[in-house]
Amino acid sequence: MRNLTLFLLSLISISCKQESLTKFDSFVKRTDSLLTIKEKKEDFMGSLYINSNNKIYEKSIGFEDVDLNKKINSDTKYNIGSISKTYTAVLIMKAIEEKKLQLNGTIQQYFPVLKNAEKITIKHLLQHRSGVHNFTRDEVFWKTRTQNISSEKILSRINKYNNDFEPGSKTEYSNSNYFLLSMILERVYETSYEDLLQHKICSPLNLKNTYAERNTNKYCHSYTYKDKWIKFNPTSLSIGTGSGSIISTIKETNYFLESLLKGKVVTKNSLNEMKTIKNQYGLGLIEYTINNRKGYGHRGHIDEFRSTAIYFPNENLSFTMISNGSKEDMNILYQKIFKLYFNDTTIKVDSEKIKHFVGTYKSTKNETDPTVFINENNSLVLVIKNEFKEPLIYKGNNQFIFEQLYAENIKFTFTDNGQELLFEQGTFQGEYVKDE
């Protein structure tokens, strides 16, 4: 009897594993087909890497050098843009663990001329709550972005800015924050940011194809599309130290983030601090939500490079995508792939009911742009400024969801007759009426 029980349990275990494998294989097949179509249409160039409970899917399409007909592969090195900020945050947390810095310590001793330096803390910089103006938004940045500029000159620019707001009073993304953090690291350790990255992160994790650059461009090209792929003139990475200067492969970018969020890079306390979110930002991390699944990671954008890396702890799932050229918003492609992976069951809505919700709705309180809904293939579709269209997910009880990767989902709840609409995003609520 005992042997029969063990045999049955083993059959159940095998069956479960086969079912899980089948689901992943189905996802791989559909995603492979999607990316193959993208490649044939020349819609997208880049790499995707997914680790789902140690089941790996990796695919690269397009060219790292169009002129040389050199195709992208698993070893292609990309500029990962602002994902670099997560590495910088890790270096800061390690410095705190080594008692070289204090999270709530001010930065006045490092930047005595910087306005509000006596109020700005290390944590403010990490969480984009310092108020220091973003130097990459200035016109002078775009005029000089291809030039090799010293850190001292960049700091001199930042020192001249007025603050955008009082430290800690709000959140606003600023590359200046992470540039300043890189300078603090170099002064504390008396070595370069590039060497610190190798010693503190790359060597322990055996990342042999990850490094920070300042003066050279030993990585693939990025491209914009105008009847054909046109090479984009690269930004000098001397400007991106700490905020966007790291080069890596798709696999090593994915492995770094996964290792970090599995507790293999910093202490548990440090990781908890990094994952403490305020207005979507943690310390070098961004919070993502896919149908109530919570993940952490970061995204990047420099030149025509686009990158996103996310790890979902409860699902033991990591997604990383890096592009060096795309005709469409990479976020849209990313969401398509997420939908293929999670394959969430949607509630069907009667086509007659949808007709009640089609139309233009105007706010009852302000002059915001009207919200337009149309019916396409028996689905309610949100139209934004006559350009962008997004099919909505029906959740029952006249409620539809616009699922967003980088922000809180938007909820549209209609009255039965479709004459009124409640718009919700986070704590914001807006009332709309149909414009007949």
Protein backbone atom coordinates (compact mmCIF):
# COMPACT_ATOMS: atom_id res chain seq x y z
CA MET A 1 0.00 0.00 0.00
CA ARG A 2 2.85 2.36 0.88
CA ASN A 3 4.56 1.65 -2.46
CA LEU A 4 1.31 2.33 -4.35
CA THR A 5 0.92 5.67 -2.54
CA LEU A 6 4.48 6.72 -3.38
CA PHE A 7 3.93 5.67 -7.00
CA LEU A 8 0.75 7.76 -7.27
CA LEU A 9 2.45 10.77 -5.68
CA SER A 10 5.30 10.48 -8.17
CA LEU A 11 2.80 10.38 -11.05
CA ILE A 12 1.08 13.53 -9.74
CA SER A 13 4.46 15.27 -9.42
CA ILE A 14 5.44 14.32 -12.97
CA SER A 15 2.05 15.41 -14.28
CA CYS A 16 2.34 18.83 -12.59
CA LYS A 17 5.83 19.33 -14.00
CA GLN A 18 4.67 18.39 -17.50
CA GLU A 19 1.71 20.78 -17.28
CA SER A 20 3.99 23.60 -16.15
CA LEU A 21 6.47 22.83 -18.91
CA THR A 22 3.68 22.74 -21.48
CA LYS A 23 2.50 26.22 -20.45
CA PHE A 24 6.01 27.62 -20.73
CA ASP A 25 6.59 25.91 -24.08
CA SER A 26 3.33 27.38 -25.34
CA PHE A 27 4.44 30.84 -24.23
CA VAL A 28 7.84 30.36 -25.90
CA LYS A 29 6.20 29.32 -29.16
CA ARG A 30 3.86 32.31 -29.23
CA THR A 31 6.54 34.81 -28.21
CA ASP A 32 8.97 33.36 -30.75
CA SER A 33 6.33 33.83 -33.43
CA LEU A 34 5.66 37.43 -32.32
CA LEU A 35 9.36 38.37 -32.40
CA THR A 36 9.92 36.61 -35.74
CA ILE A 37 7.17 38.76 -37.26
CA LYS A 38 8.78 41.86 -35.73
CA GLU A 39 12.10 40.87 -37.29
CA LYS A 40 10.61 40.31 -40.75
CA LYS A 41 8.87 43.68 -40.63
CA GLU A 42 12.02 45.38 -39.28
CA ASP A 43 9.93 46.73 -36.42
CA PHE A 44 12.35 45.97 -33.62
CA MET A 45 16.01 45.18 -32.95
CA GLY A 46 17.19 43.85 -29.61
CA SER A 47 17.14 41.01 -27.12
CA LEU A 48 14.71 39.38 -24.70
CA TYR A 49 15.72 37.19 -21.75
CA ILE A 50 13.29 35.43 -19.42
CA ASN A 51 14.02 33.17 -16.47
CA SER A 52 10.86 31.46 -15.24
CA ASN A 53 11.70 29.20 -12.30
CA ASN A 54 14.99 28.27 -14.00
CA LYS A 55 13.36 27.74 -17.39
CA ILE A 56 15.09 30.08 -19.80
CA TYR A 57 13.85 31.78 -22.94
CA GLU A 58 16.24 34.01 -24.86
CA LYS A 59 15.90 35.54 -28.30
CA SER A 60 17.77 38.26 -30.19
CA ILE A 61 16.73 39.86 -33.49
CA GLY A 62 18.12 42.58 -35.73
CA PHE A 63 21.61 44.00 -36.08
CA GLU A 64 24.17 45.44 -33.72
CA ASP A 65 25.89 46.94 -36.79
CA VAL A 66 23.64 47.35 -39.84
CA ASP A 67 26.46 48.51 -42.16
CA LEU A 68 28.55 45.42 -41.39
CA ASN A 69 25.49 43.15 -41.44
CA LYS A 70 26.49 41.99 -37.93
CA LYS A 71 23.53 40.37 -36.18
CA ILE A 72 22.64 40.74 -32.52
CA ASN A 73 23.34 37.65 -30.41
CA SER A 74 23.44 36.63 -26.75
CA ASP A 75 26.88 38.27 -26.33
CA THR A 76 25.89 41.64 -27.79
CA LYS A 77 26.82 44.48 -25.46
CA TYR A 78 24.26 47.26 -25.00
CA ASN A 79 24.19 50.56 -23.17
CA ILE A 80 21.57 49.73 -20.52
CA GLY A 81 20.88 53.41 -19.77
CA SER A 82 19.23 54.20 -16.46
CA ILE A 83 19.25 50.60 -15.27
CA SER A 84 22.76 51.78 -14.32
CA LYS A 85 21.10 53.60 -11.42
CA THR A 86 20.32 50.29 -9.72
CA TYR A 87 24.03 49.38 -9.76
CA THR A 88 24.88 52.80 -8.33
CA ALA A 89 22.29 52.34 -5.59
CA VAL A 90 23.84 48.97 -4.73
CA LEU A 91 27.28 50.58 -4.42
CA ILE A 92 25.82 53.22 -2.09
CA MET A 93 24.10 50.56 0.04
CA LYS A 94 27.39 48.66 0.29
CA ALA A 95 29.12 51.86 1.42
CA ILE A 96 26.43 52.25 4.09
CA GLU A 97 26.93 48.63 5.19
CA GLU A 98 30.65 49.37 5.49
CA LYS A 99 29.77 52.47 7.57
CA LYS A 100 31.39 54.82 5.09
CA LEU A 101 28.06 56.62 4.52
CA GLN A 102 24.78 57.14 6.34
CA LEU A 103 21.49 56.84 4.47
CA ASN A 104 20.04 59.90 6.21
CA GLY A 105 23.31 61.81 6.28
CA THR A 106 23.43 65.09 4.35
CA ILE A 107 25.72 65.71 1.38
CA GLN A 108 27.04 69.12 2.43
CA GLN A 109 30.57 67.86 3.14
CA TYR A 110 30.86 66.57 -0.44
CA PHE A 111 29.19 69.51 -2.22
CA PRO A 112 29.44 72.63 -0.02
CA VAL A 113 28.49 74.96 -2.91
CA LEU A 114 25.40 73.00 -3.97
CA LYS A 115 22.16 74.74 -2.99
CA ASN A 116 20.31 73.00 -0.14
CA ALA A 117 23.20 70.55 0.35
CA GLU A 118 22.76 70.90 4.11
CA LYS A 119 19.19 69.56 3.73
CA ILE A 120 19.67 66.94 1.02
CA THR A 121 20.40 63.41 2.23
CA ILE A 122 21.83 60.36 0.49
CA LYS A 123 18.32 58.87 0.61
CA HIS A 124 16.85 61.94 -1.09
CA LEU A 125 19.26 61.43 -3.99
CA LEU A 126 18.55 57.71 -4.23
CA GLN A 127 14.79 58.22 -4.26
CA HIS A 128 14.67 61.27 -6.56
CA ARG A 129 13.43 63.52 -3.75
CA SER A 130 16.36 65.97 -3.57
CA GLY A 131 14.99 68.82 -5.68
CA VAL A 132 18.30 69.05 -7.59
CA HIS A 133 17.55 70.08 -11.17
CA ASN A 134 18.06 67.43 -13.85
CA PHE A 135 21.06 68.59 -15.91
CA THR A 136 20.14 66.38 -18.87
CA ARG A 137 16.98 68.44 -19.46
CA ASP A 138 18.91 71.58 -20.28
CA GLU A 139 19.47 72.82 -23.83
CA VAL A 140 23.22 72.92 -23.21
CA PHE A 141 23.16 69.17 -22.56
CA TRP A 142 21.74 68.42 -26.02
CA LYS A 143 24.27 70.72 -27.63
CA THR A 144 27.24 69.06 -25.90
CA ARG A 145 26.04 65.48 -25.29
CA THR A 146 28.55 63.91 -27.70
CA GLN A 147 31.52 65.67 -26.09
CA ASN A 148 33.74 64.19 -23.42
CA ILE A 149 33.00 66.35 -20.37
CA SER A 150 34.74 66.09 -17.01
CA SER A 151 32.82 65.41 -13.81
CA GLU A 152 34.03 68.73 -12.44
CA LYS A 153 32.41 70.63 -15.31
CA ILE A 154 29.15 68.76 -14.89
CA LEU A 155 29.19 69.48 -11.16
CA SER A 156 29.86 73.15 -11.91
CA ARG A 157 26.70 73.23 -14.04
CA ILE A 158 24.62 71.55 -11.33
CA ASN A 159 25.93 73.95 -8.67
CA LYS A 160 24.51 76.89 -10.64
CA TYR A 161 20.93 75.58 -10.72
CA ASN A 162 18.16 76.69 -8.45
CA ASN A 163 16.42 73.79 -6.77
CA ASP A 164 13.18 72.56 -8.32
CA PHE A 165 11.62 71.97 -4.88
CA GLU A 166 12.47 71.59 -1.21
CA PRO A 167 14.25 68.30 -0.38
CA GLY A 168 11.80 65.58 0.62
CA SER A 169 8.70 67.52 -0.39
CA LYS A 170 8.01 65.65 -3.65
CA THR A 171 9.42 63.14 -6.13
CA GLU A 172 10.88 64.11 -9.50
CA TYR A 173 13.23 61.99 -11.58
CA SER A 174 16.65 63.59 -12.03
CA ASN A 175 19.87 62.20 -13.50
CA SER A 176 21.73 64.77 -11.41
CA ASN A 177 20.93 62.72 -8.29
CA TYR A 178 22.84 59.68 -9.49
CA PHE A 179 25.69 61.68 -10.97
CA LEU A 180 26.19 63.21 -7.49
CA LEU A 181 26.02 59.75 -5.91
CA SER A 182 28.79 58.53 -8.23
CA MET A 183 30.98 61.45 -7.17
CA ILE A 184 30.32 60.69 -3.49
CA LEU A 185 31.36 57.07 -4.06
CA GLU A 186 34.60 58.14 -5.77
CA ARG A 187 35.46 60.52 -2.92
CA VAL A 188 34.63 58.02 -0.18
CA TYR A 189 36.59 55.15 -1.72
CA GLU A 190 39.25 57.29 -3.42
CA THR A 191 38.93 55.36 -6.66
CA SER A 192 36.92 55.55 -9.86
CA TYR A 193 33.29 54.59 -10.25
CA GLU A 194 34.34 52.15 -12.97
CA ASP A 195 36.76 50.33 -10.64
CA LEU A 196 34.20 50.24 -7.83
CA LEU A 197 31.64 48.63 -10.12
CA GLN A 198 34.12 45.89 -11.04
CA HIS A 199 35.35 45.28 -7.49
CA LYS A 200 32.04 45.47 -5.61
CA ILE A 201 29.55 44.00 -8.11
CA CYS A 202 30.98 42.49 -11.29
CA SER A 203 33.74 40.33 -9.79
CA PRO A 204 31.60 38.84 -6.97
CA LEU A 205 28.81 38.00 -9.45
CA ASN A 206 31.24 36.89 -12.18
CA LEU A 207 29.85 39.46 -14.63
CA LYS A 208 32.57 39.35 -17.28
CA ASN A 209 30.74 41.46 -19.86
CA THR A 210 29.48 44.26 -17.61
CA TYR A 211 31.44 47.47 -17.13
CA ALA A 212 31.07 51.24 -17.01
CA GLU A 213 32.52 53.49 -19.71
CA ARG A 214 33.44 57.14 -19.94
CA ASN A 215 35.43 57.84 -23.09
CA THR A 216 34.93 54.99 -25.57
CA ASN A 217 32.03 53.29 -27.32
CA LYS A 218 32.85 49.58 -27.37
CA TYR A 219 29.29 48.36 -27.64
CA CYS A 220 26.62 47.97 -30.30
CA HIS A 221 25.15 50.92 -32.19
CA SER A 222 21.66 52.27 -31.68
CA TYR A 223 19.41 53.18 -34.59
CA THR A 224 16.42 55.28 -35.54
CA TYR A 225 14.21 54.29 -38.47
CA LYS A 226 13.56 56.64 -41.43
CA ASP A 227 12.84 54.43 -44.44
CA LYS A 228 15.85 52.44 -43.22
CA TRP A 229 17.84 52.01 -40.02
CA ILE A 230 20.02 55.09 -39.44
CA LYS A 231 22.84 55.02 -36.91
CA PHE A 232 22.31 57.37 -33.96
CA ASN A 233 25.26 59.54 -32.94
CA PRO A 234 26.12 58.24 -29.43
CA THR A 235 26.11 60.33 -26.28
CA SER A 236 29.46 60.51 -24.51
CA LEU A 237 29.20 58.31 -21.44
CA SER A 238 31.31 60.79 -19.49
CA ILE A 239 27.95 62.52 -19.02
CA GLY A 240 26.26 59.37 -17.72
CA THR A 241 28.55 58.32 -14.88
CA GLY A 242 26.38 56.83 -12.13
CA SER A 243 23.15 57.37 -14.04
CA GLY A 244 23.57 55.75 -17.46
CA SER A 245 27.10 54.65 -18.29
CA ILE A 246 26.96 50.88 -17.79
CA ILE A 247 27.39 48.43 -20.67
CA SER A 248 26.15 44.85 -20.36
CA THR A 249 24.63 41.87 -22.15
CA ILE A 250 21.01 40.81 -21.87
CA LYS A 251 21.87 37.77 -19.74
CA GLU A 252 24.14 39.60 -17.30
CA THR A 253 21.66 42.46 -16.85
CA ASN A 254 18.97 39.93 -16.01
CA TYR A 255 21.26 37.98 -13.68
CA PHE A 256 22.34 41.08 -11.77
CA LEU A 257 18.78 42.19 -11.02
CA GLU A 258 17.63 38.68 -10.15
CA SER A 259 20.62 38.19 -7.83
CA LEU A 260 19.96 41.52 -6.14
CA LEU A 261 16.29 40.81 -5.48
CA LYS A 262 17.02 37.28 -4.27
CA GLY A 263 19.22 38.79 -1.54
CA LYS A 264 22.59 37.76 -2.98
CA VAL A 265 24.12 41.22 -3.42
CA VAL A 266 23.31 43.38 -0.38
CA THR A 267 22.08 42.59 3.12
CA LYS A 268 18.42 41.92 3.85
CA ASN A 269 18.08 45.30 5.58
CA SER A 270 19.63 47.10 2.61
CA LEU A 271 17.36 45.31 0.17
CA ASN A 272 14.29 46.17 2.23
CA GLU A 273 15.32 49.83 2.15
CA MET A 274 15.77 49.67 -1.62
CA LYS A 275 12.31 48.11 -2.03
CA THR A 276 10.55 50.70 0.16
CA ILE A 277 8.51 52.60 -2.41
CA LYS A 278 7.38 56.22 -2.30
CA ASN A 279 5.59 57.60 -5.37
CA GLN A 280 6.65 54.53 -7.39
CA TYR A 281 10.37 54.92 -6.62
CA GLY A 282 12.45 52.97 -4.16
CA LEU A 283 16.23 53.36 -3.77
CA GLY A 284 17.46 52.62 -7.28
CA LEU A 285 14.40 50.49 -7.92
CA ILE A 286 10.99 51.08 -9.49
CA GLU A 287 7.87 49.15 -8.50
CA TYR A 288 5.87 47.48 -11.28
CA THR A 289 2.43 45.87 -11.15
CA ILE A 290 1.00 43.40 -13.66
CA ASN A 291 -2.54 42.37 -12.76
CA ASN A 292 -1.79 42.61 -9.00
CA ARG A 293 1.59 40.88 -9.38
CA LYS A 294 4.30 43.03 -7.83
CA GLY A 295 7.76 43.29 -9.34
CA TYR A 296 10.85 45.47 -8.91
CA GLY A 297 13.38 46.67 -11.43
CA HIS A 298 14.33 49.64 -13.55
CA ARG A 299 14.15 50.93 -17.10
CA GLY A 300 16.58 52.85 -19.26
CA HIS A 301 16.60 55.20 -22.23
CA ILE A 302 19.70 56.72 -23.80
CA ASP A 303 20.12 57.56 -27.48
CA GLU A 304 17.95 54.94 -29.24
CA PHE A 305 18.62 52.28 -26.61
CA ARG A 306 15.61 51.22 -24.54
CA SER A 307 15.88 48.76 -21.67
CA THR A 308 13.69 47.29 -18.95
CA ALA A 309 14.51 44.66 -16.34
CA ILE A 310 11.97 43.41 -13.79
CA TYR A 311 11.95 40.59 -11.23
CA PHE A 312 8.70 39.27 -9.73
CA PRO A 313 9.62 37.65 -6.37
CA ASN A 314 6.39 35.69 -5.80
CA GLU A 315 6.54 34.18 -9.29
CA ASN A 316 10.36 33.72 -9.29
CA LEU A 317 10.25 35.34 -12.71
CA SER A 318 12.69 37.76 -14.32
CA PHE A 319 12.09 39.66 -17.56
CA THR A 320 14.73 41.72 -19.33
CA MET A 321 14.41 43.38 -22.71
CA ILE A 322 16.96 45.68 -24.36
CA SER A 323 16.51 47.35 -27.73
CA ASN A 324 18.92 49.27 -29.95
CA GLY A 325 16.19 50.28 -32.40
CA SER A 326 12.41 50.10 -32.49
CA LYS A 327 9.63 51.60 -34.62
CA GLU A 328 7.06 51.29 -31.84
CA ASP A 329 7.14 52.06 -28.13
CA MET A 330 9.03 49.15 -26.59
CA ASN A 331 6.70 49.26 -23.59
CA ILE A 332 3.81 48.16 -25.81
CA LEU A 333 5.80 45.14 -27.02
CA TYR A 334 6.83 44.39 -23.44
CA GLN A 335 3.20 44.35 -22.31
CA LYS A 336 2.22 42.08 -25.20
CA ILE A 337 4.83 39.58 -24.06
CA PHE A 338 3.68 39.84 -20.44
CA LYS A 339 0.14 39.08 -21.55
CA LEU A 340 1.37 36.04 -23.47
CA TYR A 341 3.25 34.83 -20.41
CA PHE A 342 0.60 35.33 -17.73
CA ASN A 343 -2.30 34.44 -20.05
CA ASP A 344 -4.75 35.90 -17.52
CA THR A 345 -8.34 34.86 -17.93
CA THR A 346 -10.48 37.76 -19.02
CA ILE A 347 -14.19 38.15 -18.37
CA LYS A 348 -16.20 38.21 -21.57
CA VAL A 349 -18.47 41.18 -22.05
CA ASP A 350 -21.63 41.12 -24.13
CA SER A 351 -21.30 43.04 -27.39
CA GLU A 352 -24.63 44.75 -26.77
CA LYS A 353 -23.37 46.03 -23.41
CA ILE A 354 -20.24 47.48 -25.01
CA LYS A 355 -22.42 49.66 -27.24
CA HIS A 356 -23.60 51.60 -24.16
CA PHE A 357 -20.01 52.60 -23.31
CA VAL A 358 -18.86 53.69 -26.79
CA GLY A 359 -18.55 57.44 -27.23
CA THR A 360 -16.84 60.61 -26.02
CA TYR A 361 -16.83 61.52 -22.32
CA LYS A 362 -16.02 64.92 -20.84
CA SER A 363 -14.96 65.80 -17.32
CA THR A 364 -17.57 67.42 -15.12
CA LYS A 365 -14.99 69.55 -13.28
CA ASN A 366 -12.24 70.74 -15.64
CA GLU A 367 -11.24 71.26 -19.26
CA THR A 368 -9.13 68.13 -19.69
CA ASP A 369 -9.07 66.38 -23.06
CA PRO A 370 -12.18 64.27 -23.68
CA THR A 371 -11.91 60.53 -23.20
CA VAL A 372 -12.94 58.48 -26.23
CA PHE A 373 -13.98 54.82 -26.35
CA ILE A 374 -14.67 52.78 -29.49
CA ASN A 375 -15.71 49.20 -30.19
CA GLU A 376 -13.21 47.06 -32.08
CA ASN A 377 -13.84 43.33 -32.51
CA ASN A 378 -16.29 43.33 -29.58
CA SER A 379 -13.71 44.91 -27.26
CA LEU A 380 -13.88 48.34 -25.64
CA VAL A 381 -10.86 50.33 -26.82
CA LEU A 382 -9.50 53.56 -25.30
CA VAL A 383 -8.40 56.15 -27.89
CA ILE A 384 -5.88 58.78 -26.78
CA LYS A 385 -5.49 61.95 -28.88
CA ASN A 386 -6.65 60.13 -32.03
CA GLU A 387 -3.32 58.29 -32.15
CA PHE A 388 -2.88 55.69 -29.45
CA LYS A 389 -5.39 52.86 -29.00
CA GLU A 390 -5.44 50.41 -26.10
CA PRO A 391 -7.93 47.53 -25.69
CA LEU A 392 -9.28 47.54 -22.14
CA ILE A 393 -9.62 44.53 -19.86
CA TYR A 394 -13.14 43.88 -18.56
CA LYS A 395 -13.35 43.13 -14.83
CA GLY A 396 -17.13 42.79 -14.48
CA ASN A 397 -19.73 45.18 -13.02
CA ASN A 398 -19.20 47.70 -15.87
CA GLN A 399 -15.55 48.19 -14.92
CA PHE A 400 -12.69 48.19 -17.44
CA ILE A 401 -8.94 48.37 -16.74
CA PHE A 402 -6.17 50.10 -18.67
CA GLU A 403 -3.22 48.04 -17.46
CA GLN A 404 0.05 49.98 -17.27
CA LEU A 405 3.53 48.64 -16.73
CA TYR A 406 5.14 51.78 -15.28
CA ALA A 407 2.27 53.36 -13.41
CA GLU A 408 -0.83 52.42 -11.49
CA ASN A 409 -3.62 50.89 -13.55
CA ILE A 410 -6.48 53.14 -14.69
CA LYS A 411 -10.03 52.03 -13.90
CA PHE A 412 -13.08 53.10 -15.89
CA THR A 413 -16.41 52.30 -14.21
CA PHE A 414 -19.57 53.08 -16.19
CA THR A 415 -23.19 53.40 -15.14
CA ASP A 416 -25.51 50.79 -16.65
CA ASN A 417 -26.80 53.19 -19.30
CA GLY A 418 -23.28 54.41 -20.14
CA GLN A 419 -24.12 58.07 -19.51
CA GLU A 420 -21.64 58.54 -16.66
CA LEU A 421 -18.11 57.35 -16.01
CA LEU A 422 -15.86 57.23 -12.95
CA PHE A 423 -12.13 57.50 -13.76
CA GLU A 424 -9.71 56.20 -11.08
CA GLN A 425 -5.93 56.03 -10.89
CA GLY A 426 -4.36 55.54 -7.49
CA THR A 427 -5.94 58.12 -5.16
CA PHE A 428 -7.21 60.29 -8.02
CA GLN A 429 -10.85 60.12 -9.06
CA GLY A 430 -12.57 62.00 -11.87
CA GLU A 431 -16.21 62.06 -12.95
CA TYR A 432 -17.13 62.17 -16.63
CA VAL A 433 -20.39 62.37 -18.59
CA LYS A 434 -21.13 61.25 -22.14
CA ASP A 435 -21.00 64.05 -24.70
CA GLU A 436 -24.05 63.31 -26.88
